[in-house]
PDB file of N, CA and C in Angstrom:
ATOM      1  N   MET A   1      -6.532  -0.273   3.374  1.00  0.00           N
ATOM      2  CA  MET A   1      -7.661  -0.696   3.780  1.00  0.00           C
ATOM      3  C   MET A   1      -7.794  -2.283   3.818  1.00  0.00           C
ATOM      4  N   VAL A   2      -8.176  -2.875   4.563  1.00  0.00           N
ATOM      5  CA  VAL A   2      -8.448  -4.220   4.328  1.00  0.00           C
ATOM      6  C   VAL A   2      -9.674  -4.582   4.262  1.00  0.00           C
ATOM      7  N   VAL A   3     -10.042  -5.589   3.352  1.00  0.00           N
ATOM      8  CA  VAL A   3     -11.240  -5.990   2.272  1.00  0.00           C
ATOM      9  C   VAL A   3     -11.243  -7.444   2.820  1.00  0.00           C
ATOM     10  N   TYR A   4     -12.262  -7.940   3.011  1.00  0.00           N
ATOM     11  CA  TYR A   4     -12.433  -9.538   3.667  1.00  0.00           C
ATOM     12  C   TYR A   4     -13.603 -10.037   2.559  1.00  0.00           C
ATOM     13  N   ILE A   5     -13.187 -11.003   1.748  1.00  0.00           N
ATOM     14  CA  ILE A   5     -14.689 -11.383   0.972  1.00  0.00           C
ATOM     15  C   ILE A   5     -14.883 -12.381   1.494  1.00  0.00           C
ATOM     16  N   THR A   6     -16.359 -12.290   1.432  1.00  0.00           N
ATOM     17  CA  THR A   6     -17.017 -13.867   1.532  1.00  0.00           C
ATOM     18  C   THR A   6     -17.087 -14.999   0.962  1.00  0.00           C
ATOM     19  N   ARG A   7     -17.411 -14.499  -0.640  1.00  0.00           N
ATOM     20  CA  ARG A   7     -17.710 -15.675  -1.511  1.00  0.00           C
ATOM     21  C   ARG A   7     -16.953 -14.923  -2.512  1.00  0.00           C
ATOM     22  N   ASN A   8     -17.054 -16.163  -3.786  1.00  0.00           N
ATOM     23  CA  ASN A   8     -16.439 -15.803  -4.943  1.00  0.00           C
ATOM     24  C   ASN A   8     -16.835 -14.576  -5.818  1.00  0.00           C
ATOM     25  N   ILE A   9     -15.826 -13.404  -6.117  1.00  0.00           N
ATOM     26  CA  ILE A   9     -16.364 -12.010  -6.446  1.00  0.00           C
ATOM     27  C   ILE A   9     -15.444 -12.232  -7.901  1.00  0.00           C
ATOM     28  N   ILE A  10     -16.250 -11.679  -9.580  1.00  0.00           N
ATOM     29  CA  ILE A  10     -15.238 -11.717 -10.244  1.00  0.00           C
ATOM     30  C   ILE A  10     -14.799 -10.160 -10.557  1.00  0.00           C
ATOM     31  N   ALA A  11     -13.540 -10.135 -10.611  1.00  0.00           N
ATOM     32  CA  ALA A  11     -13.188  -8.744 -10.568  1.00  0.00           C
ATOM     33  C   ALA A  11     -12.398  -8.373 -12.327  1.00  0.00           C
ATOM     34  N   ARG A  12     -12.719  -7.229 -12.992  1.00  0.00           N
ATOM     35  CA  ARG A  12     -12.162  -6.749 -13.556  1.00  0.00           C
ATOM     36  C   ARG A  12     -10.470  -6.376 -13.669  1.00  0.00           C
ATOM     37  N   MET A  13      -9.765  -7.144 -14.639  1.00  0.00           N
ATOM     38  CA  MET A  13      -8.133  -6.400 -14.722  1.00  0.00           C
ATOM     39  C   MET A  13      -7.971  -6.051 -15.441  1.00  0.00           C
ATOM     40  N   ARG A  14      -7.081  -4.926 -15.029  1.00  0.00           N
ATOM     41  CA  ARG A  14      -6.703  -3.646 -16.049  1.00  0.00           C
ATOM     42  C   ARG A  14      -4.754  -3.776 -16.018  1.00  0.00           C
ATOM     43  N   ARG A  15      -4.289  -3.417 -17.238  1.00  0.00           N
ATOM     44  CA  ARG A  15      -3.240  -3.640 -17.238  1.00  0.00           C
ATOM     45  C   ARG A  15      -2.598  -1.771 -16.523  1.00  0.00           C
ATOM     46  N   ASN A  16      -1.117  -1.934 -16.422  1.00  0.00           N
ATOM     47  CA  ASN A  16      -0.615   0.093 -16.045  1.00  0.00           C
ATOM     48  C   ASN A  16      -0.865   0.529 -16.857  1.00  0.00           C
ATOM     49  N   ASP A  17      -0.995   0.297 -17.942  1.00  0.00           N
ATOM     50  CA  ASP A  17      -1.627   1.598 -19.288  1.00  0.00           C
ATOM     51  C   ASP A  17      -3.074   2.117 -19.241  1.00  0.00           C
ATOM     52  N   GLY A  18      -3.655   1.441 -18.121  1.00  0.00           N
ATOM     53  CA  GLY A  18      -5.327   1.537 -18.149  1.00  0.00           C
ATOM     54  C   GLY A  18      -6.290   1.119 -19.068  1.00  0.00           C
ATOM     55  N   THR A  19      -5.687   0.000 -20.163  1.00  0.00           N
ATOM     56  CA  THR A  19      -6.012  -0.879 -20.745  1.00  0.00           C
ATOM     57  C   THR A  19      -7.025  -1.865 -19.905  1.00  0.00           C
ATOM     58  N   ASP A  20      -8.312  -2.845 -20.729  1.00  0.00           N
ATOM     59  CA  ASP A  20      -8.312  -3.334 -19.858  1.00  0.00           C
ATOM     60  C   ASP A  20      -8.055  -5.011 -20.267  1.00  0.00           C
ATOM     61  N   ASN A  21      -7.726  -5.963 -19.233  1.00  0.00           N
ATOM     62  CA  ASN A  21      -6.981  -7.223 -19.793  1.00  0.00           C
ATOM     63  C   ASN A  21      -8.004  -8.186 -18.975  1.00  0.00           C
ATOM     64  N   GLY A  22      -9.568  -8.339 -18.900  1.00  0.00           N
ATOM     65  CA  GLY A  22     -10.273  -9.711 -19.043  1.00  0.00           C
ATOM     66  C   GLY A  22     -10.706  -9.544 -17.303  1.00  0.00           C
ATOM     67  N   CYS A  23     -11.017 -10.780 -16.787  1.00  0.00           N
ATOM     68  CA  CYS A  23     -11.814 -11.019 -15.323  1.00  0.00           C
ATOM     69  C   CYS A  23     -10.662 -11.673 -15.309  1.00  0.00           C
ATOM     70  N   TYR A  24     -10.778 -11.808 -13.523  1.00  0.00           N
ATOM     71  CA  TYR A  24     -10.197 -12.613 -12.725  1.00  0.00           C
ATOM     72  C   TYR A  24     -10.953 -12.776 -11.095  1.00  0.00           C
ATOM     73  N   PRO A  25     -11.268 -14.252 -10.814  1.00  0.00           N
ATOM     74  CA  PRO A  25     -11.780 -14.659  -9.598  1.00  0.00           C
ATOM     75  C   PRO A  25     -10.843 -13.944  -8.139  1.00  0.00           C
ATOM     76  N   LEU A  26     -11.789 -13.408  -7.502  1.00  0.00           N
ATOM     77  CA  LEU A  26     -11.203 -13.177  -6.841  1.00  0.00           C
ATOM     78  C   LEU A  26     -12.270 -14.225  -5.241  1.00  0.00           C
ATOM     79  N   HIS A  27     -11.175 -15.292  -4.308  1.00  0.00           N
ATOM     80  CA  HIS A  27     -11.751 -16.356  -3.547  1.00  0.00           C
ATOM     81  C   HIS A  27     -11.663 -15.695  -2.234  1.00  0.00           C
ATOM     82  N   PRO A  28     -12.184 -16.100  -1.511  1.00  0.00           N
ATOM     83  CA  PRO A  28     -13.092 -15.888  -0.057  1.00  0.00           C
ATOM     84  C   PRO A  28     -10.891 -15.141   0.464  1.00  0.00           C
ATOM     85  N   GLY A  29     -11.530 -14.271   1.103  1.00  0.00           N
ATOM     86  CA  GLY A  29     -10.028 -14.172   2.225  1.00  0.00           C
ATOM     87  C   GLY A  29      -9.751 -12.538   2.770  1.00  0.00           C
ATOM     88  N   LYS A  30      -8.669 -12.597   2.886  1.00  0.00           N
ATOM     89  CA  LYS A  30      -8.166 -10.960   3.098  1.00  0.00           C
ATOM     90  C   LYS A  30      -7.261 -10.633   2.131  1.00  0.00           C
ATOM     91  N   TYR A  31      -7.682  -9.083   1.921  1.00  0.00           N
ATOM     92  CA  TYR A  31      -7.013  -9.106   0.663  1.00  0.00           C
ATOM     93  C   TYR A  31      -6.601  -7.092   1.324  1.00  0.00           C
ATOM     94  N   GLU A  32      -5.566  -6.690   0.820  1.00  0.00           N
ATOM     95  CA  GLU A  32      -5.142  -5.465   0.587  1.00  0.00           C
ATOM     96  C   GLU A  32      -5.978  -4.465   0.189  1.00  0.00           C
ATOM     97  N   ALA A  33      -6.602  -3.137  -0.452  1.00  0.00           N
ATOM     98  CA  ALA A  33      -7.480  -2.696  -1.158  1.00  0.00           C
ATOM     99  C   ALA A  33      -7.270  -1.150  -0.600  1.00  0.00           C
ATOM    100  N   ASN A  34      -7.151  -0.267  -1.918  1.00  0.00           N
ATOM    101  CA  ASN A  34      -7.298   1.139  -2.197  1.00  0.00           C
ATOM    102  C   ASN A  34      -8.217   1.543  -3.063  1.00  0.00           C
ATOM    103  N   LYS A  35      -8.693   2.363  -2.488  1.00  0.00           N
ATOM    104  CA  LYS A  35      -9.911   3.007  -3.205  1.00  0.00           C
ATOM    105  C   LYS A  35      -9.403   3.984  -4.359  1.00  0.00           C
ATOM    106  N   THR A  36      -9.389   4.603  -5.671  1.00  0.00           N
ATOM    107  CA  THR A  36      -8.867   5.006  -6.459  1.00  0.00           C
ATOM    108  C   THR A  36      -9.799   6.282  -6.856  1.00  0.00           C
ATOM    109  N   ASN A  37      -9.629   7.185  -7.175  1.00  0.00           N
ATOM    110  CA  ASN A  37     -10.002   8.736  -7.649  1.00  0.00           C
ATOM    111  C   ASN A  37     -11.426   8.460  -8.430  1.00  0.00           C
ATOM    112  N   ASP A  38     -11.326   7.270  -8.976  1.00  0.00           N
ATOM    113  CA  ASP A  38     -12.884   6.828  -9.913  1.00  0.00           C
ATOM    114  C   ASP A  38     -13.621   6.210  -8.837  1.00  0.00           C
ATOM    115  N   GLY A  39     -13.307   5.881  -7.802  1.00  0.00           N
ATOM    116  CA  GLY A  39     -14.204   5.373  -6.759  1.00  0.00           C
ATOM    117  C   GLY A  39     -14.339   3.524  -6.394  1.00  0.00           C
ATOM    118  N   ALA A  40     -13.322   2.926  -7.652  1.00  0.00           N
ATOM    119  CA  ALA A  40     -13.484   1.602  -7.495  1.00  0.00           C
ATOM    120  C   ALA A  40     -12.204   1.163  -6.474  1.00  0.00           C
ATOM    121  N   LEU A  41     -12.521  -0.110  -6.237  1.00  0.00           N
ATOM    122  CA  LEU A  41     -11.957  -0.664  -5.396  1.00  0.00           C
ATOM    123  C   LEU A  41     -10.365  -1.093  -6.009  1.00  0.00           C
ATOM    124  N   GLU A  42      -9.019  -0.831  -5.448  1.00  0.00           N
ATOM    125  CA  GLU A  42      -7.976  -1.726  -6.238  1.00  0.00           C
ATOM    126  C   GLU A  42      -7.505  -2.680  -5.360  1.00  0.00           C
ATOM    127  N   ILE A  43      -7.823  -4.034  -5.611  1.00  0.00           N
ATOM    128  CA  ILE A  43      -7.703  -5.369  -4.726  1.00  0.00           C
ATOM    129  C   ILE A  43      -5.797  -5.857  -5.250  1.00  0.00           C
ATOM    130  N   LEU A  44      -5.154  -5.486  -4.101  1.00  0.00           N
ATOM    131  CA  LEU A  44      -3.980  -5.928  -4.482  1.00  0.00           C
ATOM    132  C   LEU A  44      -3.282  -7.032  -3.975  1.00  0.00           C
ATOM    133  N   GLN A  45      -3.164  -7.776  -4.983  1.00  0.00           N
ATOM    134  CA  GLN A  45      -2.360  -8.946  -4.971  1.00  0.00           C
ATOM    135  C   GLN A  45      -1.006  -8.789  -4.281  1.00  0.00           C
ATOM    136  N   SER A  46      -0.378 -10.879  -4.258  1.00  0.00           N
ATOM    137  CA  SER A  46       0.687 -10.813  -4.066  1.00  0.00           C
ATOM    138  C   SER A  46       1.895 -10.918  -5.181  1.00  0.00           C
ATOM    139  N   THR A  47       1.061 -11.340  -6.078  1.00  0.00           N
ATOM    140  CA  THR A  47       1.897 -11.517  -7.556  1.00  0.00           C
ATOM    141  C   THR A  47       0.473 -11.298  -8.557  1.00  0.00           C
ATOM    142  N   GLY A  48       1.702 -10.595  -9.292  1.00  0.00           N
ATOM    143  CA  GLY A  48       0.622  -9.928 -10.730  1.00  0.00           C
ATOM    144  C   GLY A  48      -0.054  -8.308 -10.676  1.00  0.00           C
ATOM    145  N   GLU A  49      -0.825  -8.025 -11.621  1.00  0.00           N
ATOM    146  CA  GLU A  49      -1.169  -6.853 -11.322  1.00  0.00           C
ATOM    147  C   GLU A  49      -2.384  -6.834 -10.451  1.00  0.00           C
ATOM    148  N   PRO A  50      -2.669  -5.560  -9.940  1.00  0.00           N
ATOM    149  CA  PRO A  50      -4.219  -5.509  -9.327  1.00  0.00           C
ATOM    150  C   PRO A  50      -5.306  -5.504 -10.076  1.00  0.00           C
ATOM    151  N   VAL A  51      -6.269  -5.897  -8.970  1.00  0.00           N
ATOM    152  CA  VAL A  51      -7.662  -6.187  -9.820  1.00  0.00           C
ATOM    153  C   VAL A  51      -8.363  -4.934  -9.203  1.00  0.00           C
ATOM    154  N   TYR A  52      -9.486  -4.728 -10.098  1.00  0.00           N
ATOM    155  CA  TYR A  52     -10.797  -3.457  -9.790  1.00  0.00           C
ATOM    156  C   TYR A  52     -11.753  -4.015  -9.693  1.00  0.00           C
ATOM    157  N   LEU A  53     -12.364  -3.770  -8.840  1.00  0.00           N
ATOM    158  CA  LEU A  53     -14.497  -3.496  -8.423  1.00  0.00           C
ATOM    159  C   LEU A  53     -14.964  -2.317  -8.898  1.00  0.00           C
ATOM    160  N   LEU A  54     -15.560  -2.106  -9.528  1.00  0.00           N
ATOM    161  CA  LEU A  54     -16.190  -0.457  -9.874  1.00  0.00           C
ATOM    162  C   LEU A  54     -17.239  -0.373  -8.978  1.00  0.00           C
ATOM    163  N   PRO A  55     -17.265   0.920  -8.750  1.00  0.00           N
ATOM    164  CA  PRO A  55     -17.892   1.381  -7.548  1.00  0.00           C
ATOM    165  C   PRO A  55     -19.446   0.611  -7.645  1.00  0.00           C
ATOM    166  N   PHE A  56     -20.433   0.390  -8.274  1.00  0.00           N
ATOM    167  CA  PHE A  56     -21.669   0.287  -8.156  1.00  0.00           C
ATOM    168  C   PHE A  56     -21.682  -1.177  -8.127  1.00  0.00           C
ATOM    169  N   ILE A  57     -20.652  -2.131  -8.390  1.00  0.00           N
ATOM    170  CA  ILE A  57     -20.803  -3.501  -8.036  1.00  0.00           C
ATOM    171  C   ILE A  57     -19.968  -3.913  -6.389  1.00  0.00           C
ATOM    172  N   TRP A  58     -19.253  -3.124  -5.956  1.00  0.00           N
ATOM    173  CA  TRP A  58     -18.763  -3.327  -4.524  1.00  0.00           C
ATOM    174  C   TRP A  58     -19.293  -2.827  -3.458  1.00  0.00           C
ATOM    175  N   TRP A  59     -20.308  -1.705  -3.899  1.00  0.00           N
ATOM    176  CA  TRP A  59     -21.444  -1.538  -3.009  1.00  0.00           C
ATOM    177  C   TRP A  59     -22.594  -2.299  -2.808  1.00  0.00           C
ATOM    178  N   GLU A  60     -22.840  -3.072  -4.378  1.00  0.00           N
ATOM    179  CA  GLU A  60     -23.770  -3.858  -4.566  1.00  0.00           C
ATOM    180  C   GLU A  60     -23.636  -5.277  -3.116  1.00  0.00           C
ATOM    181  N   LYS A  61     -22.001  -5.644  -3.863  1.00  0.00           N
ATOM    182  CA  LYS A  61     -21.696  -6.282  -3.013  1.00  0.00           C
ATOM    183  C   LYS A  61     -21.409  -6.538  -1.164  1.00  0.00           C
ATOM    184  N   MET A  62     -21.118  -4.787  -0.857  1.00  0.00           N
ATOM    185  CA  MET A  62     -21.063  -4.922   0.213  1.00  0.00           C
ATOM    186  C   MET A  62     -22.580  -4.926   0.965  1.00  0.00           C
ATOM    187  N   GLU A  63     -23.449  -4.610   0.438  1.00  0.00           N
ATOM    188  CA  GLU A  63     -25.304  -4.801   0.687  1.00  0.00           C
ATOM    189  C   GLU A  63     -25.711  -6.049   0.625  1.00  0.00           C
ATOM    190  N   ILE A  64     -25.191  -6.803   0.559  1.00  0.00           N
ATOM    191  CA  ILE A  64     -25.164  -8.243   0.535  1.00  0.00           C
ATOM    192  C   ILE A  64     -24.789  -9.133   1.223  1.00  0.00           C
ATOM    193  N   GLY A  65     -23.484  -8.257   2.082  1.00  0.00           N
ATOM    194  CA  GLY A  65     -22.597  -9.299   2.582  1.00  0.00           C
ATOM    195  C   GLY A  65     -21.263 -10.477   1.767  1.00  0.00           C
ATOM    196  N   ASP A  66     -21.085 -10.138   0.670  1.00  0.00           N
ATOM    197  CA  ASP A  66     -19.804 -10.827   0.181  1.00  0.00           C
ATOM    198  C   ASP A  66     -18.604  -9.405   0.107  1.00  0.00           C
ATOM    199  N   ILE A  67     -18.645  -8.535   0.311  1.00  0.00           N
ATOM    200  CA  ILE A  67     -17.434  -7.788   0.688  1.00  0.00           C
ATOM    201  C   ILE A  67     -17.486  -6.966   2.561  1.00  0.00           C
ATOM    202  N   LEU A  68     -16.581  -7.223   2.879  1.00  0.00           N
ATOM    203  CA  LEU A  68     -16.520  -6.839   4.475  1.00  0.00           C
ATOM    204  C   LEU A  68     -15.565  -5.671   4.306  1.00  0.00           C
ATOM    205  N   ILE A  69     -15.502  -4.289   4.749  1.00  0.00           N
ATOM    206  CA  ILE A  69     -14.180  -3.488   4.260  1.00  0.00           C
ATOM    207  C   ILE A  69     -13.867  -3.118   6.029  1.00  0.00           C
ATOM    208  N   ALA A  70     -12.607  -3.167   6.091  1.00  0.00           N
ATOM    209  CA  ALA A  70     -12.254  -2.650   7.836  1.00  0.00           C
ATOM    210  C   ALA A  70     -11.114  -1.471   6.913  1.00  0.00           C
ATOM    211  N   ALA A  71     -11.661  -0.130   7.397  1.00  0.00           N
ATOM    212  CA  ALA A  71     -10.281   0.718   7.230  1.00  0.00           C
ATOM    213  C   ALA A  71      -9.481   0.771   8.438  1.00  0.00           C
TER     214      ALA A  71
END
């Protein structure tokens, strides 16, 4: 799916082994994303590992217009 970020958002980084890797800022723009089994949004990046937005965070951000999703 395509995700549009309209304002700066902080996302969580997760290593390929599932452990936490801190935070990463997402700048306004167009991103490719997948929905994971646990309901998080996996934001794919051109370089580096993907970052994740937990379900309660991205739903709240959608309600206030910081994230737009085009399936």
